[in-house]
Amino acid sequence: EKAAAHGVGRIDIVENRLVGMKSRGCYETP
């Protein structure tokens, strides 16, 4: 609650999946 109010924890990444392909995801982990 405290961190989300300040916009903390956003990332936009391209990651290597275990199954071999790349994927793009946005994550919020305040």
PDB file of all heavy atoms in Angstrom:
ATOM      1  N   GLU A   1       0.822  -1.208   0.000  1.00  0.00           N
ATOM      2  CA  GLU A   1       0.000   0.000   0.000  1.00  0.00           C
ATOM      3  C   GLU A   1       0.860   1.264   0.000  1.00  0.00           C
ATOM      4  O   GLU A   1       0.618   2.206  -0.765  1.00  0.00           O
ATOM      5  CB  GLU A   1      -0.938  -0.006   1.210  1.00  0.00           C
ATOM      6  CG  GLU A   1      -1.894   1.179   1.253  1.00  0.00           C
ATOM      7  CD  GLU A   1      -2.879   1.111   2.412  1.00  0.00           C
ATOM      8  OE1 GLU A   1      -2.864   0.087   3.156  1.00  0.00           O
ATOM      9  OE2 GLU A   1      -3.660   2.065   2.584  1.00  0.00           O
ATOM     10  N   LYS A   2       1.874   1.293   0.863  1.00  0.00           N
ATOM     11  CA  LYS A   2       2.720   2.489   0.969  1.00  0.00           C
ATOM     12  C   LYS A   2       3.533   2.707  -0.307  1.00  0.00           C
ATOM     13  O   LYS A   2       3.647   3.837  -0.807  1.00  0.00           O
ATOM     14  CB  LYS A   2       3.662   2.384   2.168  1.00  0.00           C
ATOM     15  CG  LYS A   2       2.980   2.451   3.517  1.00  0.00           C
ATOM     16  CD  LYS A   2       3.918   2.898   4.624  1.00  0.00           C
ATOM     17  CE  LYS A   2       4.285   4.355   4.514  1.00  0.00           C
ATOM     18  NZ  LYS A   2       4.946   4.874   5.736  1.00  0.00           N
ATOM     19  N   ALA A   3       4.113   1.633  -0.824  1.00  0.00           N
ATOM     20  CA  ALA A   3       4.981   1.773  -1.995  1.00  0.00           C
ATOM     21  C   ALA A   3       4.187   2.042  -3.269  1.00  0.00           C
ATOM     22  O   ALA A   3       4.619   2.829  -4.122  1.00  0.00           O
ATOM     23  CB  ALA A   3       5.835   0.520  -2.162  1.00  0.00           C
ATOM     24  N   ALA A   4       3.041   1.406  -3.404  1.00  0.00           N
ATOM     25  CA  ALA A   4       2.222   1.597  -4.605  1.00  0.00           C
ATOM     26  C   ALA A   4       1.790   3.044  -4.754  1.00  0.00           C
ATOM     27  O   ALA A   4       1.705   3.575  -5.874  1.00  0.00           O
ATOM     28  CB  ALA A   4       0.996   0.683  -4.548  1.00  0.00           C
ATOM     29  N   ALA A   5       1.525   3.707  -3.643  1.00  0.00           N
ATOM     30  CA  ALA A   5       1.097   5.109  -3.673  1.00  0.00           C
ATOM     31  C   ALA A   5       2.179   6.026  -4.229  1.00  0.00           C
ATOM     32  O   ALA A   5       1.883   7.130  -4.703  1.00  0.00           O
ATOM     33  CB  ALA A   5       0.702   5.557  -2.268  1.00  0.00           C
ATOM     34  N   HIS A   6       3.440   5.574  -4.203  1.00  0.00           N
ATOM     35  CA  HIS A   6       4.554   6.364  -4.723  1.00  0.00           C
ATOM     36  C   HIS A   6       5.070   5.817  -6.061  1.00  0.00           C
ATOM     37  O   HIS A   6       6.148   6.206  -6.516  1.00  0.00           O
ATOM     38  CB  HIS A   6       5.688   6.413  -3.699  1.00  0.00           C
ATOM     39  CG  HIS A   6       5.366   7.234  -2.490  1.00  0.00           C
ATOM     40  ND1 HIS A   6       5.558   8.597  -2.434  1.00  0.00           N
ATOM     41  CD2 HIS A   6       4.823   6.883  -1.288  1.00  0.00           C
ATOM     42  CE1 HIS A   6       5.163   9.059  -1.259  1.00  0.00           C
ATOM     43  NE2 HIS A   6       4.722   8.037  -0.534  1.00  0.00           N
ATOM     44  N   GLY A   7       4.298   4.917  -6.671  1.00  0.00           N
ATOM     45  CA  GLY A   7       4.675   4.407  -7.981  1.00  0.00           C
ATOM     46  C   GLY A   7       5.868   3.488  -7.987  1.00  0.00           C
ATOM     47  O   GLY A   7       6.519   3.298  -9.030  1.00  0.00           O
ATOM     48  N   VAL A   8       6.162   2.878  -6.846  1.00  0.00           N
ATOM     49  CA  VAL A   8       7.339   2.011  -6.726  1.00  0.00           C
ATOM     50  C   VAL A   8       7.027   0.608  -7.236  1.00  0.00           C
ATOM     51  O   VAL A   8       5.947   0.074  -6.985  1.00  0.00           O
ATOM     52  CB  VAL A   8       7.799   1.938  -5.253  1.00  0.00           C
ATOM     53  CG1 VAL A   8       8.877   0.867  -5.063  1.00  0.00           C
ATOM     54  CG2 VAL A   8       8.309   3.291  -4.796  1.00  0.00           C
ATOM     55  N   GLY A   9       7.985  -0.008  -7.921  1.00  0.00           N
ATOM     56  CA  GLY A   9       7.890  -1.432  -8.242  1.00  0.00           C
ATOM     57  C   GLY A   9       7.503  -1.788  -9.651  1.00  0.00           C
ATOM     58  O   GLY A   9       7.247  -2.948  -9.952  1.00  0.00           O
ATOM     59  N   ARG A  10       7.470  -0.818 -10.567  1.00  0.00           N
ATOM     60  CA  ARG A  10       7.126  -1.118 -11.954  1.00  0.00           C
ATOM     61  C   ARG A  10       8.367  -1.500 -12.752  1.00  0.00           C
ATOM     62  O   ARG A  10       9.399  -0.828 -12.679  1.00  0.00           O
ATOM     63  CB  ARG A  10       6.492   0.093 -12.640  1.00  0.00           C
ATOM     64  CG  ARG A  10       5.115   0.474 -12.138  1.00  0.00           C
ATOM     65  CD  ARG A  10       4.544   1.614 -12.979  1.00  0.00           C
ATOM     66  NE  ARG A  10       3.171   1.931 -12.606  1.00  0.00           N
ATOM     67  CZ  ARG A  10       2.382   2.747 -13.287  1.00  0.00           C
ATOM     68  NH1 ARG A  10       2.836   3.346 -14.383  1.00  0.00           N
ATOM     69  NH2 ARG A  10       1.140   2.982 -12.877  1.00  0.00           N
ATOM     70  N   ILE A  11       8.259  -2.574 -13.530  1.00  0.00           N
ATOM     71  CA  ILE A  11       9.309  -2.882 -14.507  1.00  0.00           C
ATOM     72  C   ILE A  11       8.652  -3.358 -15.796  1.00  0.00           C
ATOM     73  O   ILE A  11       7.553  -3.901 -15.795  1.00  0.00           O
ATOM     74  CB  ILE A  11      10.318  -3.952 -14.012  1.00  0.00           C
ATOM     75  CG1 ILE A  11       9.618  -5.292 -13.727  1.00  0.00           C
ATOM     76  CG2 ILE A  11      11.096  -3.470 -12.817  1.00  0.00           C
ATOM     77  CD1 ILE A  11      10.602  -6.433 -13.505  1.00  0.00           C
ATOM     78  N   ASP A  12       9.338  -3.119 -16.895  1.00  0.00           N
ATOM     79  CA  ASP A  12       8.903  -3.540 -18.232  1.00  0.00           C
ATOM     80  C   ASP A  12      10.089  -4.257 -18.838  1.00  0.00           C
ATOM     81  O   ASP A  12      11.103  -3.640 -19.155  1.00  0.00           O
ATOM     82  CB  ASP A  12       8.503  -2.300 -19.036  1.00  0.00           C
ATOM     83  CG  ASP A  12       8.174  -2.604 -20.495  1.00  0.00           C
ATOM     84  OD1 ASP A  12       8.274  -3.779 -20.903  1.00  0.00           O
ATOM     85  OD2 ASP A  12       7.844  -1.653 -21.226  1.00  0.00           O
ATOM     86  N   ILE A  13       9.989  -5.579 -18.997  1.00  0.00           N
ATOM     87  CA  ILE A  13      11.169  -6.352 -19.390  1.00  0.00           C
ATOM     88  C   ILE A  13      10.855  -7.348 -20.503  1.00  0.00           C
ATOM     89  O   ILE A  13       9.702  -7.723 -20.727  1.00  0.00           O
ATOM     90  CB  ILE A  13      11.762  -7.130 -18.191  1.00  0.00           C
ATOM     91  CG1 ILE A  13      10.747  -8.162 -17.654  1.00  0.00           C
ATOM     92  CG2 ILE A  13      12.217  -6.189 -17.098  1.00  0.00           C
ATOM     93  CD1 ILE A  13      11.315  -9.098 -16.612  1.00  0.00           C
ATOM     94  N   VAL A  14      11.905  -7.749 -21.181  1.00  0.00           N
ATOM     95  CA  VAL A  14      11.860  -8.908 -22.069  1.00  0.00           C
ATOM     96  C   VAL A  14      12.704  -9.978 -21.402  1.00  0.00           C
ATOM     97  O   VAL A  14      13.875  -9.748 -21.095  1.00  0.00           O
ATOM     98  CB  VAL A  14      12.407  -8.585 -23.470  1.00  0.00           C
ATOM     99  CG1 VAL A  14      12.490  -9.850 -24.319  1.00  0.00           C
ATOM    100  CG2 VAL A  14      11.519  -7.542 -24.158  1.00  0.00           C
ATOM    101  N   GLU A  15      12.096 -11.121 -21.135  1.00  0.00           N
ATOM    102  CA  GLU A  15      12.800 -12.173 -20.403  1.00  0.00           C
ATOM    103  C   GLU A  15      12.924 -13.444 -21.235  1.00  0.00           C
ATOM    104  O   GLU A  15      12.174 -13.648 -22.201  1.00  0.00           O
ATOM    105  CB  GLU A  15      12.058 -12.502 -19.099  1.00  0.00           C
ATOM    106  CG  GLU A  15      10.719 -13.171 -19.323  1.00  0.00           C
ATOM    107  CD  GLU A  15       9.826 -13.152 -18.096  1.00  0.00           C
ATOM    108  OE1 GLU A  15       9.341 -12.059 -17.740  1.00  0.00           O
ATOM    109  OE2 GLU A  15       9.600 -14.241 -17.543  1.00  0.00           O
ATOM    110  N   ASN A  16      13.858 -14.277 -20.868  1.00  0.00           N
ATOM    111  CA  ASN A  16      14.029 -15.576 -21.512  1.00  0.00           C
ATOM    112  C   ASN A  16      13.200 -16.615 -20.788  1.00  0.00           C
ATOM    113  O   ASN A  16      13.462 -16.941 -19.633  1.00  0.00           O
ATOM    114  CB  ASN A  16      15.506 -15.987 -21.489  1.00  0.00           C
ATOM    115  CG  ASN A  16      16.339 -15.183 -22.456  1.00  0.00           C
ATOM    116  OD1 ASN A  16      16.108 -15.234 -23.655  1.00  0.00           O
ATOM    117  ND2 ASN A  16      17.298 -14.426 -21.945  1.00  0.00           N
ATOM    118  N   ARG A  17      12.172 -17.117 -21.462  1.00  0.00           N
ATOM    119  CA  ARG A  17      11.366 -18.180 -20.874  1.00  0.00           C
ATOM    120  C   ARG A  17      12.147 -19.484 -20.842  1.00  0.00           C
ATOM    121  O   ARG A  17      13.030 -19.727 -21.668  1.00  0.00           O
ATOM    122  CB  ARG A  17      10.082 -18.394 -21.685  1.00  0.00           C
ATOM    123  CG  ARG A  17       9.018 -17.350 -21.474  1.00  0.00           C
ATOM    124  CD  ARG A  17       7.747 -17.725 -22.216  1.00  0.00           C
ATOM    125  NE  ARG A  17       6.707 -16.713 -22.039  1.00  0.00           N
ATOM    126  CZ  ARG A  17       5.535 -16.741 -22.665  1.00  0.00           C
ATOM    127  NH1 ARG A  17       5.266 -17.726 -23.513  1.00  0.00           N
ATOM    128  NH2 ARG A  17       4.642 -15.797 -22.450  1.00  0.00           N
ATOM    129  N   LEU A  18      11.772 -20.330 -19.912  1.00  0.00           N
ATOM    130  CA  LEU A  18      12.394 -21.644 -19.787  1.00  0.00           C
ATOM    131  C   LEU A  18      12.198 -22.472 -21.055  1.00  0.00           C
ATOM    132  O   LEU A  18      13.076 -23.250 -21.443  1.00  0.00           O
ATOM    133  CB  LEU A  18      11.794 -22.368 -18.573  1.00  0.00           C
ATOM    134  CG  LEU A  18      12.157 -23.826 -18.353  1.00  0.00           C
ATOM    135  CD1 LEU A  18      13.660 -23.985 -18.176  1.00  0.00           C
ATOM    136  CD2 LEU A  18      11.430 -24.371 -17.131  1.00  0.00           C
ATOM    137  N   VAL A  19      11.048 -22.310 -21.723  1.00  0.00           N
ATOM    138  CA  VAL A  19      10.728 -23.140 -22.882  1.00  0.00           C
ATOM    139  C   VAL A  19      11.419 -22.672 -24.159  1.00  0.00           C
ATOM    140  O   VAL A  19      11.208 -23.253 -25.221  1.00  0.00           O
ATOM    141  CB  VAL A  19       9.202 -23.208 -23.116  1.00  0.00           C
ATOM    142  CG1 VAL A  19       8.527 -23.962 -21.990  1.00  0.00           C
ATOM    143  CG2 VAL A  19       8.605 -21.801 -23.255  1.00  0.00           C
ATOM    144  N   GLY A  20      12.251 -21.616 -24.077  1.00  0.00           N
ATOM    145  CA  GLY A  20      13.100 -21.277 -25.208  1.00  0.00           C
ATOM    146  C   GLY A  20      12.811 -19.969 -25.903  1.00  0.00           C
ATOM    147  O   GLY A  20      13.678 -19.452 -26.606  1.00  0.00           O
ATOM    148  N   MET A  21      11.607 -19.433 -25.744  1.00  0.00           N
ATOM    149  CA  MET A  21      11.280 -18.175 -26.419  1.00  0.00           C
ATOM    150  C   MET A  21      11.455 -16.992 -25.475  1.00  0.00           C
ATOM    151  O   MET A  21      11.547 -17.157 -24.258  1.00  0.00           O
ATOM    152  CB  MET A  21       9.835 -18.217 -26.930  1.00  0.00           C
ATOM    153  CG  MET A  21       8.790 -18.234 -25.833  1.00  0.00           C
ATOM    154  SD  MET A  21       7.119 -18.468 -26.463  1.00  0.00           S
ATOM    155  CE  MET A  21       7.142 -20.233 -26.825  1.00  0.00           C
ATOM    156  N   LYS A  22      11.505 -15.807 -26.052  1.00  0.00           N
ATOM    157  CA  LYS A  22      11.505 -14.586 -25.253  1.00  0.00           C
ATOM    158  C   LYS A  22      10.074 -14.096 -25.097  1.00  0.00           C
ATOM    159  O   LYS A  22       9.238 -14.285 -25.982  1.00  0.00           O
ATOM    160  CB  LYS A  22      12.364 -13.504 -25.911  1.00  0.00           C
ATOM    161  CG  LYS A  22      13.861 -13.781 -25.858  1.00  0.00           C
ATOM    162  CD  LYS A  22      14.651 -12.627 -26.434  1.00  0.00           C
ATOM    163  CE  LYS A  22      16.156 -12.897 -26.391  1.00  0.00           C
ATOM    164  NZ  LYS A  22      16.699 -12.898 -25.012  1.00  0.00           N
ATOM    165  N   SER A  23       9.799 -13.447 -23.982  1.00  0.00           N
ATOM    166  CA  SER A  23       8.474 -12.860 -23.780  1.00  0.00           C
ATOM    167  C   SER A  23       8.641 -11.495 -23.128  1.00  0.00           C
ATOM    168  O   SER A  23       9.602 -11.247 -22.404  1.00  0.00           O
ATOM    169  CB  SER A  23       7.589 -13.759 -22.913  1.00  0.00           C
ATOM    170  OG  SER A  23       8.093 -13.834 -21.590  1.00  0.00           O
ATOM    171  N   ARG A  24       7.674 -10.628 -23.399  1.00  0.00           N
ATOM    172  CA  ARG A  24       7.693  -9.285 -22.835  1.00  0.00           C
ATOM    173  C   ARG A  24       6.601  -9.213 -21.777  1.00  0.00           C
ATOM    174  O   ARG A  24       5.467  -9.619 -21.993  1.00  0.00           O
ATOM    175  CB  ARG A  24       7.436  -8.272 -23.959  1.00  0.00           C
ATOM    176  CG  ARG A  24       7.778  -6.809 -23.616  1.00  0.00           C
ATOM    177  CD  ARG A  24       6.572  -6.008 -23.198  1.00  0.00           C
ATOM    178  NE  ARG A  24       6.873  -4.588 -23.094  1.00  0.00           N
ATOM    179  CZ  ARG A  24       6.531  -3.678 -24.013  1.00  0.00           C
ATOM    180  NH1 ARG A  24       5.882  -4.050 -25.106  1.00  0.00           N
ATOM    181  NH2 ARG A  24       6.812  -2.403 -23.812  1.00  0.00           N
ATOM    182  N   GLY A  25       6.952  -8.717 -20.628  1.00  0.00           N
ATOM    183  CA  GLY A  25       5.980  -8.598 -19.546  1.00  0.00           C
ATOM    184  C   GLY A  25       6.189  -7.340 -18.740  1.00  0.00           C
ATOM    185  O   GLY A  25       7.315  -6.836 -18.634  1.00  0.00           O
ATOM    186  N   CYS A  26       5.104  -6.823 -18.190  1.00  0.00           N
ATOM    187  CA  CYS A  26       5.172  -5.710 -17.261  1.00  0.00           C
ATOM    188  C   CYS A  26       4.788  -6.228 -15.882  1.00  0.00           C
ATOM    189  O   CYS A  26       3.792  -6.955 -15.745  1.00  0.00           O
ATOM    190  CB  CYS A  26       4.232  -4.588 -17.692  1.00  0.00           C
ATOM    191  SG  CYS A  26       4.766  -3.725 -19.185  1.00  0.00           S
ATOM    192  N   TYR A  27       5.571  -5.882 -14.885  1.00  0.00           N
ATOM    193  CA  TYR A  27       5.354  -6.384 -13.536  1.00  0.00           C
ATOM    194  C   TYR A  27       5.252  -5.224 -12.551  1.00  0.00           C
ATOM    195  O   TYR A  27       5.962  -4.225 -12.679  1.00  0.00           O
ATOM    196  CB  TYR A  27       6.505  -7.296 -13.110  1.00  0.00           C
ATOM    197  CG  TYR A  27       6.689  -8.527 -13.970  1.00  0.00           C
ATOM    198  CD1 TYR A  27       7.569  -8.522 -15.035  1.00  0.00           C
ATOM    199  CD2 TYR A  27       5.984  -9.700 -13.700  1.00  0.00           C
ATOM    200  CE1 TYR A  27       7.750  -9.659 -15.829  1.00  0.00           C
ATOM    201  CE2 TYR A  27       6.156 -10.835 -14.480  1.00  0.00           C
ATOM    202  CZ  TYR A  27       7.036 -10.803 -15.542  1.00  0.00           C
ATOM    203  OH  TYR A  27       7.208 -11.927 -16.314  1.00  0.00           O
ATOM    204  N   GLU A  28       4.380  -5.391 -11.565  1.00  0.00           N
ATOM    205  CA  GLU A  28       4.261  -4.436 -10.470  1.00  0.00           C
ATOM    206  C   GLU A  28       4.508  -5.169  -9.162  1.00  0.00           C
ATOM    207  O   GLU A  28       3.760  -6.073  -8.800  1.00  0.00           O
ATOM    208  CB  GLU A  28       2.874  -3.790 -10.474  1.00  0.00           C
ATOM    209  CG  GLU A  28       2.582  -2.982 -11.725  1.00  0.00           C
ATOM    210  CD  GLU A  28       1.169  -2.446 -11.750  1.00  0.00           C
ATOM    211  OE1 GLU A  28       0.927  -1.353 -11.200  1.00  0.00           O
ATOM    212  OE2 GLU A  28       0.292  -3.126 -12.325  1.00  0.00           O
ATOM    213  N   THR A  29       5.563  -4.786  -8.465  1.00  0.00           N
ATOM    214  CA  THR A  29       5.955  -5.434  -7.219  1.00  0.00           C
ATOM    215  C   THR A  29       6.319  -4.357  -6.206  1.00  0.00           C
ATOM    216  O   THR A  29       7.486  -4.209  -5.826  1.00  0.00           O
ATOM    217  CB  THR A  29       7.159  -6.377  -7.454  1.00  0.00           C
ATOM    218  OG1 THR A  29       6.981  -7.105  -8.661  1.00  0.00           O
ATOM    219  CG2 THR A  29       7.331  -7.361  -6.291  1.00  0.00           C
ATOM    220  N   PRO A  30       5.346  -3.586  -5.751  1.00  0.00           N
ATOM    221  CA  PRO A  30       5.672  -2.427  -4.898  1.00  0.00           C
ATOM    222  C   PRO A  30       6.302  -2.792  -3.562  1.00  0.00           C
ATOM    223  O   PRO A  30       7.422  -2.362  -3.254  1.00  0.00           O
ATOM    224  CB  PRO A  30       4.325  -1.724  -4.729  1.00  0.00           C
ATOM    225  CG  PRO A  30       3.290  -2.760  -5.039  1.00  0.00           C
ATOM    226  CD  PRO A  30       3.902  -3.654  -6.057  1.00  0.00           C
TER     227      PRO A  30
END
